[in-house]
């Protein structure tokens, strides 16, 4: 089977489309709707996205617990601002000086925007999307290839990812479970949205039980 790759220009196109989709969704729903991010409304999530792109001083707090308090204070301050303005800033995208405006930022932004769009969509009744073409799914698969070992690093059992076209990816070596689903569903599962992702978890019963206790995500 040949190996496709998503071009930089193609990824940037998907990022623009996903940004518009998410901004439209947030605007239509308003600030007080639930999301899959526990404790966060649409207002909270919009503030997080804007701070991520416009306040690089808060980025270390995403991964370093001792710095998380500062990141959260800045996010709360943004959430207290006018909701329409916050959504407008998200729609505009990162300013030129943001790390996420650099050429390599598109790949990180695609994952971030896709996952959070689904956080909003799946926080209520939802249906599968019909706007994910082959190129988009390939870009999401490439995100899994790059990030699987990080996303599944806490798994105490081996993890293999399997998509319907037959491609496989070892996220963690060893005997364990096989996760089967479309690239977008596997990506959401890896980011800790397992309860809302359409992924089949197969393997020995003991491994499946152990895997069920794993906390996934960054």
N, C-alpha and C. Protein backbone atom coordinates (compact mmCIF):
# COMPACT_ATOMS: atom_id res chain seq x y z
N UNK A 1 0.84 -1.19 0.00
CA UNK A 1 0.00 0.00 0.00
C UNK A 1 0.88 1.24 0.00
N UNK A 2 0.58 2.21 -0.86
CA UNK A 2 1.36 3.44 -0.90
C UNK A 2 1.12 4.29 0.32
N UNK A 3 2.05 5.14 0.61
CA UNK A 3 1.95 6.01 1.79
C UNK A 3 1.67 7.43 1.36
N UNK A 4 0.51 7.95 1.73
CA UNK A 4 0.17 9.34 1.43
C UNK A 4 0.75 10.25 2.50
N UNK A 5 1.00 11.48 2.15
CA UNK A 5 1.35 12.48 3.15
C UNK A 5 0.57 13.75 2.83
N UNK A 6 0.19 14.47 3.86
CA UNK A 6 -0.54 15.72 3.67
C UNK A 6 0.47 16.85 3.51
N UNK A 7 0.35 17.62 2.43
CA UNK A 7 1.28 18.71 2.18
C UNK A 7 1.05 19.85 3.16
N UNK A 8 2.10 20.69 3.31
CA UNK A 8 1.97 21.83 4.22
C UNK A 8 0.84 22.74 3.79
N UNK A 9 0.74 23.00 2.47
CA UNK A 9 -0.33 23.89 1.99
C UNK A 9 -1.69 23.27 2.23
N UNK A 10 -1.78 21.91 2.06
CA UNK A 10 -3.04 21.24 2.32
C UNK A 10 -3.45 21.34 3.77
N UNK A 11 -2.50 21.14 4.69
CA UNK A 11 -2.80 21.25 6.11
C UNK A 11 -3.25 22.66 6.45
N UNK A 12 -2.58 23.66 5.90
CA UNK A 12 -2.96 25.04 6.17
C UNK A 12 -4.39 25.33 5.70
N UNK A 13 -4.77 24.73 4.59
CA UNK A 13 -6.14 24.90 4.09
C UNK A 13 -7.14 24.29 5.07
N UNK A 14 -6.84 23.11 5.58
CA UNK A 14 -7.73 22.47 6.54
C UNK A 14 -7.79 23.26 7.85
N UNK A 15 -6.67 23.85 8.25
CA UNK A 15 -6.66 24.67 9.47
C UNK A 15 -7.60 25.86 9.31
N UNK A 16 -7.52 26.53 8.18
CA UNK A 16 -8.40 27.69 7.95
C UNK A 16 -9.86 27.28 7.98
N UNK A 17 -10.17 26.17 7.34
CA UNK A 17 -11.55 25.71 7.32
C UNK A 17 -12.04 25.32 8.71
N UNK A 18 -11.18 24.63 9.47
CA UNK A 18 -11.56 24.19 10.82
C UNK A 18 -11.72 25.38 11.75
N UNK A 19 -10.85 26.38 11.59
CA UNK A 19 -10.95 27.58 12.42
C UNK A 19 -12.29 28.27 12.17
N UNK A 20 -12.66 28.41 10.91
CA UNK A 20 -13.93 29.05 10.58
C UNK A 20 -15.10 28.24 11.11
N UNK A 21 -15.02 26.92 10.95
CA UNK A 21 -16.07 26.03 11.45
C UNK A 21 -16.25 26.19 12.96
N UNK A 22 -15.15 26.18 13.70
CA UNK A 22 -15.24 26.29 15.15
C UNK A 22 -15.73 27.66 15.58
N UNK A 23 -15.22 28.71 14.95
CA UNK A 23 -15.67 30.06 15.31
C UNK A 23 -17.16 30.23 15.02
N UNK A 24 -17.63 29.72 13.89
CA UNK A 24 -19.06 29.79 13.59
C UNK A 24 -19.87 29.03 14.63
N UNK A 25 -19.39 27.86 15.01
CA UNK A 25 -20.10 27.04 15.99
C UNK A 25 -20.19 27.75 17.33
N UNK A 26 -19.06 28.30 17.78
CA UNK A 26 -19.05 29.03 19.06
C UNK A 26 -19.96 30.25 19.01
N UNK A 27 -19.94 30.95 17.91
CA UNK A 27 -20.79 32.13 17.75
C UNK A 27 -22.26 31.75 17.79
N UNK A 28 -22.62 30.69 17.08
CA UNK A 28 -24.03 30.26 17.02
C UNK A 28 -24.53 29.77 18.37
N UNK A 29 -23.68 29.06 19.12
CA UNK A 29 -24.12 28.44 20.37
C UNK A 29 -24.15 29.42 21.53
N UNK A 30 -23.29 30.43 21.49
CA UNK A 30 -23.21 31.35 22.61
C UNK A 30 -22.25 30.86 23.68
N UNK A 31 -22.07 31.65 24.76
CA UNK A 31 -20.98 31.41 25.71
C UNK A 31 -21.22 30.36 26.79
N UNK A 32 -22.43 29.86 26.94
CA UNK A 32 -22.76 29.09 28.13
C UNK A 32 -23.11 27.63 27.85
N UNK A 33 -22.68 27.11 26.71
CA UNK A 33 -23.00 25.73 26.36
C UNK A 33 -21.93 24.78 26.89
N UNK A 34 -22.32 23.55 27.20
CA UNK A 34 -21.34 22.57 27.72
C UNK A 34 -20.40 22.08 26.62
N UNK A 35 -19.24 21.59 27.04
CA UNK A 35 -18.28 20.98 26.13
C UNK A 35 -17.79 19.68 26.76
N UNK A 36 -16.99 18.94 26.01
CA UNK A 36 -16.41 17.71 26.57
C UNK A 36 -15.28 18.00 27.56
N UNK A 37 -14.78 19.23 27.58
CA UNK A 37 -13.74 19.61 28.55
C UNK A 37 -14.42 19.83 29.89
N UNK A 38 -14.18 18.95 30.81
CA UNK A 38 -14.91 18.95 32.08
C UNK A 38 -14.79 20.30 32.78
N UNK A 39 -15.95 20.89 33.11
CA UNK A 39 -15.98 22.16 33.81
C UNK A 39 -15.89 23.38 32.91
N UNK A 40 -15.70 23.18 31.62
CA UNK A 40 -15.56 24.30 30.69
C UNK A 40 -16.82 24.45 29.84
N UNK A 41 -17.28 25.69 29.75
CA UNK A 41 -18.32 26.04 28.81
C UNK A 41 -17.67 26.48 27.50
N UNK A 42 -18.50 26.83 26.53
CA UNK A 42 -17.98 27.35 25.27
C UNK A 42 -17.16 28.62 25.50
N UNK A 43 -17.53 29.43 26.47
CA UNK A 43 -16.76 30.63 26.79
C UNK A 43 -15.35 30.26 27.26
N UNK A 44 -15.26 29.27 28.14
CA UNK A 44 -13.96 28.84 28.66
C UNK A 44 -13.07 28.29 27.55
N UNK A 45 -13.67 27.50 26.68
CA UNK A 45 -12.88 26.88 25.63
C UNK A 45 -12.38 27.92 24.63
N UNK A 46 -13.24 28.87 24.28
CA UNK A 46 -12.82 29.94 23.36
C UNK A 46 -11.67 30.74 23.97
N UNK A 47 -11.75 31.03 25.25
CA UNK A 47 -10.69 31.77 25.93
C UNK A 47 -9.38 30.99 25.91
N UNK A 48 -9.45 29.69 26.15
CA UNK A 48 -8.26 28.85 26.10
C UNK A 48 -7.57 28.93 24.75
N UNK A 49 -8.34 28.85 23.68
CA UNK A 49 -7.76 28.86 22.34
C UNK A 49 -7.10 30.19 22.01
N UNK A 50 -7.72 31.28 22.43
CA UNK A 50 -7.15 32.60 22.15
C UNK A 50 -5.88 32.81 22.96
N UNK A 51 -5.90 32.44 24.23
CA UNK A 51 -4.70 32.58 25.07
C UNK A 51 -3.56 31.73 24.53
N UNK A 52 -3.87 30.53 24.10
CA UNK A 52 -2.84 29.64 23.54
C UNK A 52 -2.11 30.30 22.38
N UNK A 53 -2.83 30.99 21.52
CA UNK A 53 -2.22 31.56 20.33
C UNK A 53 -1.63 32.95 20.55
N UNK A 54 -2.09 33.67 21.58
CA UNK A 54 -1.70 35.07 21.74
C UNK A 54 -0.90 35.36 23.01
N UNK A 55 -0.77 34.36 23.88
CA UNK A 55 0.01 34.54 25.11
C UNK A 55 1.01 33.41 25.24
N UNK A 56 2.11 33.47 24.50
CA UNK A 56 3.10 32.39 24.57
C UNK A 56 3.68 32.18 25.97
N UNK A 57 3.58 33.20 26.84
CA UNK A 57 4.07 33.04 28.20
C UNK A 57 3.27 32.01 28.99
N UNK A 58 2.09 31.65 28.49
CA UNK A 58 1.26 30.67 29.20
C UNK A 58 1.49 29.24 28.73
N UNK A 59 2.20 29.06 27.63
CA UNK A 59 2.35 27.72 27.06
C UNK A 59 3.04 26.72 27.99
N UNK A 60 4.10 27.12 28.72
CA UNK A 60 4.73 26.13 29.61
C UNK A 60 3.77 25.54 30.63
N UNK A 61 2.77 26.31 31.04
CA UNK A 61 1.83 25.83 32.04
C UNK A 61 0.94 24.70 31.57
N UNK A 62 0.89 24.47 30.26
CA UNK A 62 0.10 23.36 29.74
C UNK A 62 0.74 22.02 30.11
N UNK A 63 2.07 22.00 30.16
CA UNK A 63 2.79 20.74 30.42
C UNK A 63 3.47 20.69 31.78
N UNK A 64 3.70 21.85 32.42
CA UNK A 64 4.44 21.88 33.68
C UNK A 64 3.47 22.28 34.80
N UNK A 65 3.09 21.34 35.67
CA UNK A 65 2.07 21.61 36.68
C UNK A 65 2.34 22.83 37.54
N UNK A 66 3.61 23.07 37.89
CA UNK A 66 3.91 24.19 38.78
C UNK A 66 3.61 25.53 38.12
N UNK A 67 3.53 25.56 36.80
CA UNK A 67 3.24 26.79 36.06
C UNK A 67 1.78 26.88 35.61
N UNK A 68 1.00 25.86 35.90
CA UNK A 68 -0.37 25.81 35.41
C UNK A 68 -1.25 26.91 36.00
N UNK A 69 -0.94 27.36 37.21
CA UNK A 69 -1.75 28.39 37.85
C UNK A 69 -1.74 29.69 37.05
N UNK A 70 -0.57 30.07 36.56
CA UNK A 70 -0.47 31.29 35.75
C UNK A 70 -1.28 31.15 34.46
N UNK A 71 -1.15 30.01 33.81
CA UNK A 71 -1.89 29.77 32.57
C UNK A 71 -3.39 29.89 32.82
N UNK A 72 -3.85 29.32 33.92
CA UNK A 72 -5.27 29.36 34.22
C UNK A 72 -5.74 30.77 34.57
N UNK A 73 -4.92 31.54 35.29
CA UNK A 73 -5.32 32.91 35.62
C UNK A 73 -5.48 33.75 34.35
N UNK A 74 -4.56 33.58 33.40
CA UNK A 74 -4.65 34.33 32.15
C UNK A 74 -5.89 33.89 31.36
N UNK A 75 -6.14 32.59 31.36
CA UNK A 75 -7.32 32.10 30.64
C UNK A 75 -8.60 32.64 31.25
N UNK A 76 -8.68 32.66 32.56
CA UNK A 76 -9.88 33.19 33.22
C UNK A 76 -10.07 34.68 32.92
N UNK A 77 -8.98 35.41 32.88
CA UNK A 77 -9.08 36.82 32.55
C UNK A 77 -9.61 37.01 31.14
N UNK A 78 -9.16 36.17 30.20
CA UNK A 78 -9.68 36.26 28.84
C UNK A 78 -11.15 35.86 28.78
N UNK A 79 -11.53 34.86 29.56
CA UNK A 79 -12.92 34.41 29.57
C UNK A 79 -13.85 35.50 30.10
N UNK A 80 -13.32 36.39 30.93
CA UNK A 80 -14.13 37.47 31.47
C UNK A 80 -14.36 38.59 30.47
N UNK A 81 -13.64 38.57 29.35
CA UNK A 81 -13.81 39.59 28.32
C UNK A 81 -15.06 39.31 27.49
N UNK A 82 -15.39 40.25 26.63
CA UNK A 82 -16.56 40.10 25.77
C UNK A 82 -16.44 38.82 24.92
N UNK A 83 -17.46 37.99 24.98
CA UNK A 83 -17.41 36.69 24.30
C UNK A 83 -17.28 36.85 22.79
N UNK A 84 -18.03 37.77 22.22
CA UNK A 84 -17.96 37.96 20.77
C UNK A 84 -16.57 38.37 20.33
N UNK A 85 -15.92 39.22 21.13
CA UNK A 85 -14.56 39.64 20.79
C UNK A 85 -13.59 38.47 20.89
N UNK A 86 -13.78 37.62 21.89
CA UNK A 86 -12.91 36.44 22.03
C UNK A 86 -13.07 35.52 20.83
N UNK A 87 -14.30 35.26 20.43
CA UNK A 87 -14.52 34.41 19.25
C UNK A 87 -13.95 35.07 18.00
N UNK A 88 -14.07 36.39 17.92
CA UNK A 88 -13.49 37.11 16.78
C UNK A 88 -11.98 36.98 16.72
N UNK A 89 -11.33 37.00 17.89
CA UNK A 89 -9.88 36.83 17.93
C UNK A 89 -9.48 35.42 17.50
N UNK A 90 -10.28 34.44 17.91
CA UNK A 90 -10.03 33.07 17.45
C UNK A 90 -10.18 32.97 15.94
N UNK A 91 -11.20 33.59 15.41
CA UNK A 91 -11.44 33.54 13.97
C UNK A 91 -10.29 34.19 13.20
N UNK A 92 -9.73 35.25 13.75
CA UNK A 92 -8.63 35.96 13.08
C UNK A 92 -7.35 35.14 13.03
N UNK A 93 -7.18 34.24 13.98
CA UNK A 93 -5.98 33.42 14.00
C UNK A 93 -4.85 34.06 14.78
N UNK A 94 -3.72 33.37 14.87
CA UNK A 94 -2.59 33.88 15.67
C UNK A 94 -1.96 35.11 15.03
N UNK A 95 -1.49 36.06 15.83
CA UNK A 95 -0.77 37.22 15.28
C UNK A 95 0.58 36.78 14.73
N UNK A 96 1.22 37.61 13.92
CA UNK A 96 2.48 37.21 13.26
C UNK A 96 3.58 36.77 14.21
N UNK A 97 3.59 37.31 15.42
CA UNK A 97 4.67 36.98 16.35
C UNK A 97 4.40 35.72 17.16
N UNK A 98 3.23 35.10 16.98
CA UNK A 98 2.89 33.90 17.73
C UNK A 98 3.66 32.69 17.18
N UNK A 99 4.10 31.79 18.07
CA UNK A 99 4.72 30.55 17.58
C UNK A 99 3.82 29.78 16.63
N UNK A 100 2.51 29.94 16.80
CA UNK A 100 1.57 29.19 15.98
C UNK A 100 1.32 29.84 14.62
N UNK A 101 1.96 30.98 14.37
CA UNK A 101 1.90 31.59 13.05
C UNK A 101 3.06 31.15 12.17
N UNK A 102 4.03 30.46 12.76
CA UNK A 102 5.18 29.97 12.00
C UNK A 102 4.74 28.84 11.08
N UNK A 103 5.52 28.55 10.03
CA UNK A 103 5.12 27.50 9.08
C UNK A 103 4.77 26.17 9.72
N UNK A 104 5.50 25.78 10.73
CA UNK A 104 5.22 24.50 11.38
C UNK A 104 4.01 24.52 12.29
N UNK A 105 3.45 25.70 12.52
CA UNK A 105 2.32 25.80 13.44
C UNK A 105 1.04 25.19 12.93
N UNK A 106 0.93 25.04 11.60
CA UNK A 106 -0.32 24.52 11.04
C UNK A 106 -0.64 23.12 11.55
N UNK A 107 0.39 22.27 11.67
CA UNK A 107 0.14 20.90 12.11
C UNK A 107 -0.39 20.87 13.54
N UNK A 108 0.22 21.66 14.41
CA UNK A 108 -0.26 21.72 15.79
C UNK A 108 -1.65 22.33 15.86
N UNK A 109 -1.90 23.34 15.04
CA UNK A 109 -3.20 24.00 15.06
C UNK A 109 -4.29 23.09 14.54
N UNK A 110 -4.00 22.27 13.54
CA UNK A 110 -5.04 21.39 13.02
C UNK A 110 -5.52 20.45 14.11
N UNK A 111 -4.60 19.84 14.83
CA UNK A 111 -4.98 18.93 15.90
C UNK A 111 -5.78 19.66 16.97
N UNK A 112 -5.27 20.81 17.41
CA UNK A 112 -5.92 21.57 18.47
C UNK A 112 -7.33 21.98 18.07
N UNK A 113 -7.46 22.54 16.89
CA UNK A 113 -8.77 23.03 16.45
C UNK A 113 -9.74 21.89 16.20
N UNK A 114 -9.25 20.81 15.60
CA UNK A 114 -10.15 19.68 15.36
C UNK A 114 -10.68 19.11 16.68
N UNK A 115 -9.78 18.83 17.62
CA UNK A 115 -10.20 18.24 18.89
C UNK A 115 -11.19 19.15 19.61
N UNK A 116 -10.92 20.44 19.62
CA UNK A 116 -11.82 21.33 20.36
C UNK A 116 -13.12 21.59 19.61
N UNK A 117 -13.11 21.52 18.29
CA UNK A 117 -14.38 21.56 17.57
C UNK A 117 -15.26 20.40 18.00
N UNK A 118 -14.65 19.22 18.10
CA UNK A 118 -15.42 18.05 18.51
C UNK A 118 -15.81 18.14 19.98
N UNK A 119 -15.00 18.81 20.81
CA UNK A 119 -15.40 19.03 22.20
C UNK A 119 -16.71 19.81 22.26
N UNK A 120 -16.86 20.77 21.36
CA UNK A 120 -18.09 21.56 21.32
C UNK A 120 -19.22 20.75 20.69
N UNK A 121 -18.96 20.12 19.56
CA UNK A 121 -20.01 19.37 18.87
C UNK A 121 -20.53 18.22 19.72
N UNK A 122 -19.64 17.49 20.36
CA UNK A 122 -20.03 16.28 21.07
C UNK A 122 -20.45 16.54 22.51
N UNK A 123 -20.48 17.80 22.88
CA UNK A 123 -21.01 18.16 24.19
C UNK A 123 -22.53 18.14 24.21
N UNK A 124 -23.15 17.79 23.06
CA UNK A 124 -24.61 17.73 22.92
C UNK A 124 -24.92 16.65 21.89
N UNK A 125 -26.16 16.55 21.45
CA UNK A 125 -26.48 15.59 20.40
C UNK A 125 -25.67 15.93 19.16
N UNK A 126 -25.10 14.90 18.52
CA UNK A 126 -24.25 15.16 17.38
C UNK A 126 -24.35 14.02 16.38
N UNK A 127 -23.92 14.30 15.18
CA UNK A 127 -23.88 13.29 14.12
C UNK A 127 -22.49 13.31 13.51
N UNK A 128 -22.06 12.20 12.90
CA UNK A 128 -20.75 12.17 12.25
C UNK A 128 -20.63 13.29 11.21
N UNK A 129 -19.44 13.84 11.08
CA UNK A 129 -19.21 14.91 10.13
C UNK A 129 -19.10 14.36 8.72
N UNK A 130 -19.58 15.16 7.77
CA UNK A 130 -19.49 14.76 6.37
C UNK A 130 -18.51 15.64 5.59
N UNK A 131 -17.69 16.44 6.33
CA UNK A 131 -16.77 17.36 5.66
C UNK A 131 -15.31 16.92 5.78
N UNK A 132 -15.09 15.70 6.24
CA UNK A 132 -13.72 15.21 6.38
C UNK A 132 -13.36 14.38 5.15
N UNK A 133 -12.69 15.00 4.19
CA UNK A 133 -12.34 14.28 2.99
C UNK A 133 -11.08 13.44 3.22
N UNK A 134 -10.64 12.75 2.18
CA UNK A 134 -9.51 11.84 2.32
C UNK A 134 -8.25 12.58 2.78
N UNK A 135 -8.03 13.78 2.22
CA UNK A 135 -6.85 14.54 2.60
C UNK A 135 -6.88 14.97 4.05
N UNK A 136 -8.06 15.36 4.54
CA UNK A 136 -8.19 15.77 5.94
C UNK A 136 -7.90 14.58 6.85
N UNK A 137 -8.50 13.45 6.55
CA UNK A 137 -8.26 12.27 7.38
C UNK A 137 -6.79 11.86 7.33
N UNK A 138 -6.14 12.04 6.19
CA UNK A 138 -4.72 11.73 6.11
C UNK A 138 -3.92 12.66 7.01
N UNK A 139 -4.27 13.93 7.05
CA UNK A 139 -3.58 14.88 7.93
C UNK A 139 -3.77 14.50 9.39
N UNK A 140 -4.95 14.02 9.75
CA UNK A 140 -5.18 13.59 11.13
C UNK A 140 -4.42 12.29 11.43
N UNK A 141 -4.32 11.41 10.44
CA UNK A 141 -3.51 10.21 10.63
C UNK A 141 -2.05 10.57 10.85
N UNK A 142 -1.54 11.53 10.09
CA UNK A 142 -0.15 11.96 10.28
C UNK A 142 0.05 12.56 11.67
N UNK A 143 -0.98 13.22 12.19
CA UNK A 143 -0.89 13.74 13.56
C UNK A 143 -0.77 12.59 14.55
N UNK A 144 -1.46 11.50 14.29
CA UNK A 144 -1.33 10.32 15.15
C UNK A 144 0.07 9.72 15.05
N UNK A 145 0.59 9.64 13.83
CA UNK A 145 1.93 9.09 13.64
C UNK A 145 2.95 9.89 14.46
N UNK A 146 2.81 11.23 14.44
CA UNK A 146 3.75 12.08 15.17
C UNK A 146 3.56 12.00 16.68
N UNK A 147 2.33 11.86 17.12
CA UNK A 147 2.06 12.06 18.55
C UNK A 147 1.63 10.84 19.34
N UNK A 148 1.52 9.68 18.69
CA UNK A 148 0.94 8.53 19.38
C UNK A 148 1.72 8.13 20.63
N UNK A 149 3.03 8.11 20.54
CA UNK A 149 3.82 7.67 21.70
C UNK A 149 3.65 8.61 22.89
N UNK A 150 3.46 9.90 22.62
CA UNK A 150 3.21 10.85 23.69
C UNK A 150 1.81 10.65 24.26
N UNK A 151 0.81 10.51 23.40
CA UNK A 151 -0.56 10.40 23.86
C UNK A 151 -0.80 9.14 24.69
N UNK A 152 -0.14 8.04 24.30
CA UNK A 152 -0.36 6.76 24.99
C UNK A 152 0.80 6.40 25.93
N UNK A 153 1.58 7.37 26.33
CA UNK A 153 2.76 7.08 27.15
C UNK A 153 2.41 6.51 28.51
N UNK A 154 1.22 6.80 29.01
CA UNK A 154 0.85 6.33 30.35
C UNK A 154 0.22 4.93 30.33
N UNK A 155 0.00 4.40 29.16
CA UNK A 155 -0.64 3.09 29.09
C UNK A 155 0.27 2.03 29.68
N UNK A 156 -0.30 1.23 30.55
CA UNK A 156 0.48 0.14 31.14
C UNK A 156 0.50 -1.11 30.29
N UNK A 157 -0.20 -1.06 29.16
CA UNK A 157 -0.23 -2.20 28.23
C UNK A 157 0.13 -1.72 26.84
N UNK A 158 0.49 -2.64 25.98
CA UNK A 158 0.77 -2.27 24.60
C UNK A 158 -0.48 -1.75 23.90
N UNK A 159 -0.28 -0.85 22.95
CA UNK A 159 -1.40 -0.25 22.22
C UNK A 159 -1.06 -0.20 20.74
N UNK A 160 -1.93 -0.79 19.93
CA UNK A 160 -1.79 -0.72 18.49
C UNK A 160 -3.03 -0.06 17.92
N UNK A 161 -2.83 0.87 16.99
CA UNK A 161 -3.93 1.57 16.35
C UNK A 161 -4.18 0.96 14.98
N UNK A 162 -5.44 0.77 14.64
CA UNK A 162 -5.83 0.16 13.37
C UNK A 162 -6.94 0.97 12.75
N UNK A 163 -6.76 1.39 11.49
CA UNK A 163 -7.79 2.14 10.77
C UNK A 163 -8.42 1.24 9.71
N UNK A 164 -9.63 1.58 9.25
CA UNK A 164 -10.35 0.69 8.34
C UNK A 164 -9.61 0.33 7.05
N UNK A 165 -8.69 1.20 6.58
CA UNK A 165 -7.97 0.88 5.35
C UNK A 165 -6.83 -0.11 5.58
N UNK A 166 -6.65 -0.55 6.81
CA UNK A 166 -5.65 -1.57 7.12
C UNK A 166 -4.35 -1.05 7.69
N UNK A 167 -4.16 0.26 7.71
CA UNK A 167 -2.92 0.78 8.28
C UNK A 167 -2.89 0.57 9.79
N UNK A 168 -1.70 0.29 10.28
CA UNK A 168 -1.51 0.04 11.70
C UNK A 168 -0.39 0.94 12.23
N UNK A 169 -0.48 1.25 13.51
CA UNK A 169 0.54 2.07 14.15
C UNK A 169 0.70 1.60 15.58
N UNK A 170 1.92 1.32 15.97
CA UNK A 170 2.18 0.93 17.36
C UNK A 170 2.37 2.20 18.18
N UNK A 171 1.43 2.44 19.10
CA UNK A 171 1.52 3.60 19.97
C UNK A 171 2.34 3.30 21.22
N UNK A 172 2.30 2.05 21.65
CA UNK A 172 3.11 1.60 22.78
C UNK A 172 3.42 0.12 22.57
N UNK A 173 4.68 -0.22 22.67
CA UNK A 173 5.10 -1.60 22.39
C UNK A 173 4.64 -2.56 23.48
N UNK A 174 4.48 -3.81 23.09
CA UNK A 174 4.13 -4.85 24.04
C UNK A 174 2.76 -5.43 23.78
N UNK A 175 2.46 -6.53 24.48
CA UNK A 175 1.14 -7.15 24.36
C UNK A 175 0.12 -6.22 25.00
N UNK A 176 -1.08 -6.21 24.43
CA UNK A 176 -2.08 -5.33 25.00
C UNK A 176 -3.34 -5.26 24.17
N UNK A 177 -3.74 -4.04 23.79
CA UNK A 177 -5.01 -3.82 23.13
C UNK A 177 -4.81 -3.31 21.71
N UNK A 178 -5.84 -3.52 20.90
CA UNK A 178 -5.89 -2.97 19.55
C UNK A 178 -7.07 -2.01 19.50
N UNK A 179 -6.80 -0.76 19.12
CA UNK A 179 -7.85 0.25 19.01
C UNK A 179 -8.19 0.42 17.54
N UNK A 180 -9.44 0.22 17.20
CA UNK A 180 -9.88 0.27 15.80
C UNK A 180 -10.86 1.41 15.60
N UNK A 181 -10.57 2.25 14.61
CA UNK A 181 -11.47 3.36 14.32
C UNK A 181 -10.90 4.24 13.22
N UNK A 182 -11.68 5.19 12.79
CA UNK A 182 -11.21 6.16 11.80
C UNK A 182 -10.15 7.05 12.44
N UNK A 183 -9.26 7.66 11.64
CA UNK A 183 -8.20 8.49 12.22
C UNK A 183 -8.71 9.55 13.18
N UNK A 184 -9.81 10.21 12.81
CA UNK A 184 -10.31 11.28 13.68
C UNK A 184 -10.80 10.74 15.02
N UNK A 185 -11.37 9.53 15.01
CA UNK A 185 -11.86 8.94 16.25
C UNK A 185 -10.71 8.47 17.12
N UNK A 186 -9.69 7.89 16.51
CA UNK A 186 -8.51 7.48 17.26
C UNK A 186 -7.80 8.68 17.88
N UNK A 187 -7.75 9.78 17.13
CA UNK A 187 -7.10 10.98 17.65
C UNK A 187 -7.86 11.50 18.87
N UNK A 188 -9.17 11.56 18.80
CA UNK A 188 -9.96 12.01 19.94
C UNK A 188 -9.79 11.07 21.13
N UNK A 189 -9.76 9.78 20.86
CA UNK A 189 -9.54 8.80 21.93
C UNK A 189 -8.20 9.06 22.60
N UNK A 190 -7.16 9.29 21.80
CA UNK A 190 -5.84 9.52 22.35
C UNK A 190 -5.75 10.78 23.18
N UNK A 191 -6.59 11.75 22.87
CA UNK A 191 -6.61 12.99 23.64
C UNK A 191 -7.56 12.92 24.83
N UNK A 192 -7.97 11.71 25.18
CA UNK A 192 -8.75 11.53 26.40
C UNK A 192 -10.25 11.67 26.24
N UNK A 193 -10.73 11.66 24.99
CA UNK A 193 -12.18 11.78 24.75
C UNK A 193 -12.78 10.41 24.46
N UNK A 194 -12.24 9.38 25.08
CA UNK A 194 -12.64 8.02 24.76
C UNK A 194 -14.12 7.76 24.90
N UNK A 195 -14.77 8.35 25.89
CA UNK A 195 -16.19 8.10 26.11
C UNK A 195 -17.05 8.63 24.96
N UNK A 196 -16.51 9.56 24.19
CA UNK A 196 -17.26 10.18 23.10
C UNK A 196 -16.68 9.86 21.73
N UNK A 197 -15.68 9.00 21.68
CA UNK A 197 -15.04 8.63 20.42
C UNK A 197 -15.50 7.24 19.99
N UNK A 198 -15.70 7.07 18.70
CA UNK A 198 -16.16 5.79 18.17
C UNK A 198 -14.96 4.91 17.86
N UNK A 199 -14.46 4.28 18.91
CA UNK A 199 -13.28 3.42 18.82
C UNK A 199 -13.59 2.10 19.51
N UNK A 200 -13.27 1.00 18.83
CA UNK A 200 -13.43 -0.32 19.42
C UNK A 200 -12.13 -0.72 20.11
N UNK A 201 -12.21 -1.13 21.35
CA UNK A 201 -11.05 -1.57 22.12
C UNK A 201 -11.09 -3.09 22.20
N UNK A 202 -10.13 -3.75 21.53
CA UNK A 202 -10.08 -5.20 21.51
C UNK A 202 -8.81 -5.73 22.12
N UNK A 203 -8.83 -7.02 22.46
CA UNK A 203 -7.66 -7.65 23.05
C UNK A 203 -8.05 -8.54 24.19
N UNK A 204 -7.07 -9.16 24.85
CA UNK A 204 -7.36 -10.02 26.01
C UNK A 204 -8.13 -9.24 27.08
N UNK A 205 -9.04 -9.93 27.75
CA UNK A 205 -9.90 -9.26 28.73
C UNK A 205 -9.11 -8.53 29.80
N UNK A 206 -8.03 -9.14 30.29
CA UNK A 206 -7.24 -8.50 31.34
C UNK A 206 -6.60 -7.22 30.83
N UNK A 207 -6.11 -7.23 29.60
CA UNK A 207 -5.49 -6.03 29.03
C UNK A 207 -6.52 -4.94 28.83
N UNK A 208 -7.71 -5.31 28.36
CA UNK A 208 -8.77 -4.33 28.15
C UNK A 208 -9.16 -3.68 29.48
N UNK A 209 -9.26 -4.50 30.54
CA UNK A 209 -9.61 -3.95 31.85
C UNK A 209 -8.53 -3.00 32.34
N UNK A 210 -7.28 -3.39 32.19
CA UNK A 210 -6.18 -2.52 32.63
C UNK A 210 -6.15 -1.24 31.82
N UNK A 211 -6.39 -1.36 30.53
CA UNK A 211 -6.36 -0.18 29.67
C UNK A 211 -7.47 0.80 30.04
N UNK A 212 -8.61 0.29 30.48
CA UNK A 212 -9.73 1.15 30.83
C UNK A 212 -9.41 2.11 31.95
N UNK A 213 -8.37 1.81 32.73
CA UNK A 213 -8.00 2.67 33.85
C UNK A 213 -6.97 3.75 33.47
N UNK A 214 -6.53 3.72 32.21
CA UNK A 214 -5.47 4.63 31.78
C UNK A 214 -6.02 6.04 31.56
N UNK A 215 -5.26 7.05 31.98
CA UNK A 215 -5.61 8.45 31.71
C UNK A 215 -4.78 8.91 30.50
N UNK A 216 -5.47 9.16 29.41
CA UNK A 216 -4.79 9.52 28.17
C UNK A 216 -4.74 11.02 27.98
N UNK A 217 -3.91 11.44 27.01
CA UNK A 217 -3.81 12.84 26.65
C UNK A 217 -2.48 13.43 27.01
N UNK A 218 -2.33 14.72 26.66
CA UNK A 218 -1.09 15.43 26.92
C UNK A 218 -0.91 15.64 28.40
